[in-house]
Amino acid sequence: MGKDFFTGLSRFFVNNRRDGARMLSSALIVFTIGATQLDQTWGQVVALVSMLICIYWGLAFRRLDH
């Protein structure tokens, strides 16, 4: 996974830091909700999917310069 991988997927993320921070914080809230329900199957699924989104959006957020 090099620089070209994240450049190609960057279209799934916004182009400014303000909106990126909003998206990332929303995904973290969804992850927290799922993490509090890890004893339920739906909580595990929500936590896993939102964790993957948080990682991807976090990496995309780091690449923004404004």
N, C-alpha and C. Protein backbone atom coordinates (compact mmCIF):
# COMPACT_ATOMS: atom_id res chain seq x y z
N MET A 1 0.85 -1.18 0.00
CA MET A 1 0.00 0.00 0.00
C MET A 1 0.89 1.24 0.00
N GLY A 2 1.05 1.79 -1.14
CA GLY A 2 1.89 2.96 -1.26
C GLY A 2 1.09 4.23 -1.39
N LYS A 3 1.79 5.24 -1.83
CA LYS A 3 1.19 6.56 -1.97
C LYS A 3 0.07 6.56 -3.01
N ASP A 4 0.23 5.77 -4.07
CA ASP A 4 -0.78 5.71 -5.12
C ASP A 4 -2.08 5.10 -4.62
N PHE A 5 -2.01 4.17 -3.68
CA PHE A 5 -3.21 3.54 -3.14
C PHE A 5 -4.09 4.57 -2.46
N PHE A 6 -3.50 5.42 -1.62
CA PHE A 6 -4.29 6.42 -0.90
C PHE A 6 -4.72 7.55 -1.82
N THR A 7 -3.95 7.84 -2.85
CA THR A 7 -4.36 8.87 -3.79
C THR A 7 -5.59 8.42 -4.56
N GLY A 8 -5.62 7.16 -4.95
CA GLY A 8 -6.77 6.63 -5.68
C GLY A 8 -8.02 6.57 -4.83
N LEU A 9 -7.88 6.31 -3.54
CA LEU A 9 -9.03 6.20 -2.66
C LEU A 9 -9.42 7.54 -2.03
N SER A 10 -8.65 8.58 -2.27
CA SER A 10 -8.93 9.86 -1.63
C SER A 10 -10.28 10.45 -2.04
N ARG A 11 -10.86 9.97 -3.11
CA ARG A 11 -12.16 10.49 -3.53
C ARG A 11 -13.27 10.10 -2.56
N PHE A 12 -13.00 9.15 -1.65
CA PHE A 12 -13.98 8.76 -0.65
C PHE A 12 -13.85 9.59 0.62
N PHE A 13 -13.14 10.70 0.55
CA PHE A 13 -12.93 11.57 1.69
C PHE A 13 -13.00 13.00 1.21
N VAL A 14 -13.24 13.93 2.12
CA VAL A 14 -13.40 15.34 1.76
C VAL A 14 -12.05 15.98 1.46
N ASN A 15 -12.08 17.22 1.01
CA ASN A 15 -10.84 17.90 0.62
C ASN A 15 -10.39 18.97 1.60
N ASN A 16 -11.04 19.09 2.75
CA ASN A 16 -10.58 20.09 3.73
C ASN A 16 -10.58 19.49 5.13
N ARG A 17 -9.74 20.05 5.98
CA ARG A 17 -9.53 19.50 7.32
C ARG A 17 -10.75 19.66 8.22
N ARG A 18 -11.51 20.73 8.06
CA ARG A 18 -12.68 20.95 8.92
C ARG A 18 -13.72 19.85 8.72
N ASP A 19 -14.09 19.59 7.48
CA ASP A 19 -15.07 18.54 7.20
C ASP A 19 -14.50 17.15 7.50
N GLY A 20 -13.20 16.99 7.27
CA GLY A 20 -12.56 15.72 7.59
C GLY A 20 -12.60 15.42 9.08
N ALA A 21 -12.37 16.45 9.90
CA ALA A 21 -12.43 16.27 11.35
C ALA A 21 -13.85 15.92 11.79
N ARG A 22 -14.84 16.50 11.15
CA ARG A 22 -16.23 16.17 11.47
C ARG A 22 -16.55 14.73 11.13
N MET A 23 -16.12 14.29 9.97
CA MET A 23 -16.37 12.91 9.56
C MET A 23 -15.66 11.93 10.49
N LEU A 24 -14.42 12.23 10.83
CA LEU A 24 -13.65 11.34 11.70
C LEU A 24 -14.25 11.27 13.09
N SER A 25 -14.69 12.40 13.62
CA SER A 25 -15.29 12.38 14.95
C SER A 25 -16.62 11.64 14.95
N SER A 26 -17.38 11.74 13.88
CA SER A 26 -18.64 10.98 13.78
C SER A 26 -18.36 9.48 13.74
N ALA A 27 -17.33 9.08 13.01
CA ALA A 27 -16.99 7.66 12.96
C ALA A 27 -16.50 7.17 14.32
N LEU A 28 -15.79 8.01 15.06
CA LEU A 28 -15.34 7.63 16.40
C LEU A 28 -16.51 7.46 17.36
N ILE A 29 -17.53 8.29 17.21
CA ILE A 29 -18.72 8.15 18.05
C ILE A 29 -19.43 6.84 17.75
N VAL A 30 -19.57 6.51 16.47
CA VAL A 30 -20.20 5.24 16.09
C VAL A 30 -19.38 4.07 16.62
N PHE A 31 -18.05 4.17 16.54
CA PHE A 31 -17.20 3.11 17.09
C PHE A 31 -17.41 2.96 18.60
N THR A 32 -17.52 4.07 19.30
CA THR A 32 -17.72 4.02 20.75
C THR A 32 -19.03 3.34 21.10
N ILE A 33 -20.07 3.64 20.34
CA ILE A 33 -21.36 2.99 20.57
C ILE A 33 -21.23 1.48 20.36
N GLY A 34 -20.57 1.08 19.29
CA GLY A 34 -20.39 -0.35 19.04
C GLY A 34 -19.51 -1.01 20.09
N ALA A 35 -18.48 -0.29 20.54
CA ALA A 35 -17.56 -0.85 21.53
C ALA A 35 -18.23 -1.07 22.88
N THR A 36 -19.24 -0.28 23.20
CA THR A 36 -19.94 -0.48 24.47
C THR A 36 -20.88 -1.68 24.42
N GLN A 37 -21.11 -2.20 23.22
CA GLN A 37 -22.03 -3.34 23.05
C GLN A 37 -21.31 -4.55 22.45
N LEU A 38 -20.06 -4.78 22.83
CA LEU A 38 -19.30 -5.87 22.25
C LEU A 38 -19.84 -7.25 22.61
N ASP A 39 -20.67 -7.33 23.62
CA ASP A 39 -21.27 -8.62 23.96
C ASP A 39 -22.41 -8.99 23.01
N GLN A 40 -22.85 -8.06 22.19
CA GLN A 40 -23.89 -8.30 21.19
C GLN A 40 -23.23 -8.46 19.82
N THR A 41 -23.83 -9.25 18.96
CA THR A 41 -23.28 -9.45 17.62
C THR A 41 -23.28 -8.15 16.82
N TRP A 42 -24.38 -7.40 16.92
CA TRP A 42 -24.45 -6.15 16.16
C TRP A 42 -23.40 -5.16 16.66
N GLY A 43 -23.08 -5.16 17.93
CA GLY A 43 -22.05 -4.27 18.46
C GLY A 43 -20.68 -4.61 17.94
N GLN A 44 -20.41 -5.90 17.79
CA GLN A 44 -19.12 -6.32 17.24
C GLN A 44 -18.99 -5.91 15.78
N VAL A 45 -20.08 -6.06 15.03
CA VAL A 45 -20.06 -5.68 13.61
C VAL A 45 -19.89 -4.17 13.46
N VAL A 46 -20.67 -3.41 14.23
CA VAL A 46 -20.58 -1.95 14.16
C VAL A 46 -19.19 -1.48 14.57
N ALA A 47 -18.63 -2.05 15.63
CA ALA A 47 -17.30 -1.66 16.09
C ALA A 47 -16.24 -1.99 15.05
N LEU A 48 -16.33 -3.15 14.43
CA LEU A 48 -15.33 -3.55 13.44
C LEU A 48 -15.39 -2.66 12.19
N VAL A 49 -16.59 -2.46 11.67
CA VAL A 49 -16.73 -1.64 10.45
C VAL A 49 -16.32 -0.20 10.72
N SER A 50 -16.78 0.36 11.84
CA SER A 50 -16.43 1.75 12.13
C SER A 50 -14.95 1.91 12.45
N MET A 51 -14.31 0.88 13.03
CA MET A 51 -12.88 0.94 13.28
C MET A 51 -12.11 1.01 11.96
N LEU A 52 -12.53 0.21 10.99
CA LEU A 52 -11.87 0.24 9.68
C LEU A 52 -12.06 1.60 9.00
N ILE A 53 -13.26 2.16 9.13
CA ILE A 53 -13.51 3.49 8.56
C ILE A 53 -12.67 4.54 9.28
N CYS A 54 -12.56 4.45 10.59
CA CYS A 54 -11.74 5.40 11.35
C CYS A 54 -10.28 5.35 10.93
N ILE A 55 -9.77 4.15 10.73
CA ILE A 55 -8.37 4.02 10.30
C ILE A 55 -8.18 4.63 8.92
N TYR A 56 -9.06 4.29 8.00
CA TYR A 56 -8.95 4.84 6.65
C TYR A 56 -9.08 6.36 6.65
N TRP A 57 -10.12 6.89 7.33
CA TRP A 57 -10.32 8.33 7.36
C TRP A 57 -9.20 9.03 8.12
N GLY A 58 -8.65 8.39 9.14
CA GLY A 58 -7.53 8.97 9.86
C GLY A 58 -6.31 9.12 8.98
N LEU A 59 -6.02 8.10 8.17
CA LEU A 59 -4.91 8.18 7.24
C LEU A 59 -5.17 9.23 6.16
N ALA A 60 -6.40 9.30 5.68
CA ALA A 60 -6.74 10.31 4.67
C ALA A 60 -6.67 11.71 5.27
N PHE A 61 -7.08 11.87 6.53
CA PHE A 61 -7.04 13.17 7.20
C PHE A 61 -5.61 13.68 7.33
N ARG A 62 -4.68 12.78 7.60
CA ARG A 62 -3.28 13.17 7.74
C ARG A 62 -2.71 13.74 6.46
N ARG A 63 -3.26 13.33 5.32
CA ARG A 63 -2.74 13.78 4.03
C ARG A 63 -3.26 15.17 3.64
N LEU A 64 -4.28 15.67 4.33
CA LEU A 64 -4.82 17.00 4.00
C LEU A 64 -3.87 18.08 4.49
N ASP A 65 -3.72 19.12 3.70
CA ASP A 65 -2.83 20.21 4.11
C ASP A 65 -3.58 21.49 4.46
N HIS A 66 -4.86 21.54 4.25
CA HIS A 66 -5.64 22.75 4.64
C HIS A 66 -7.01 22.36 5.12
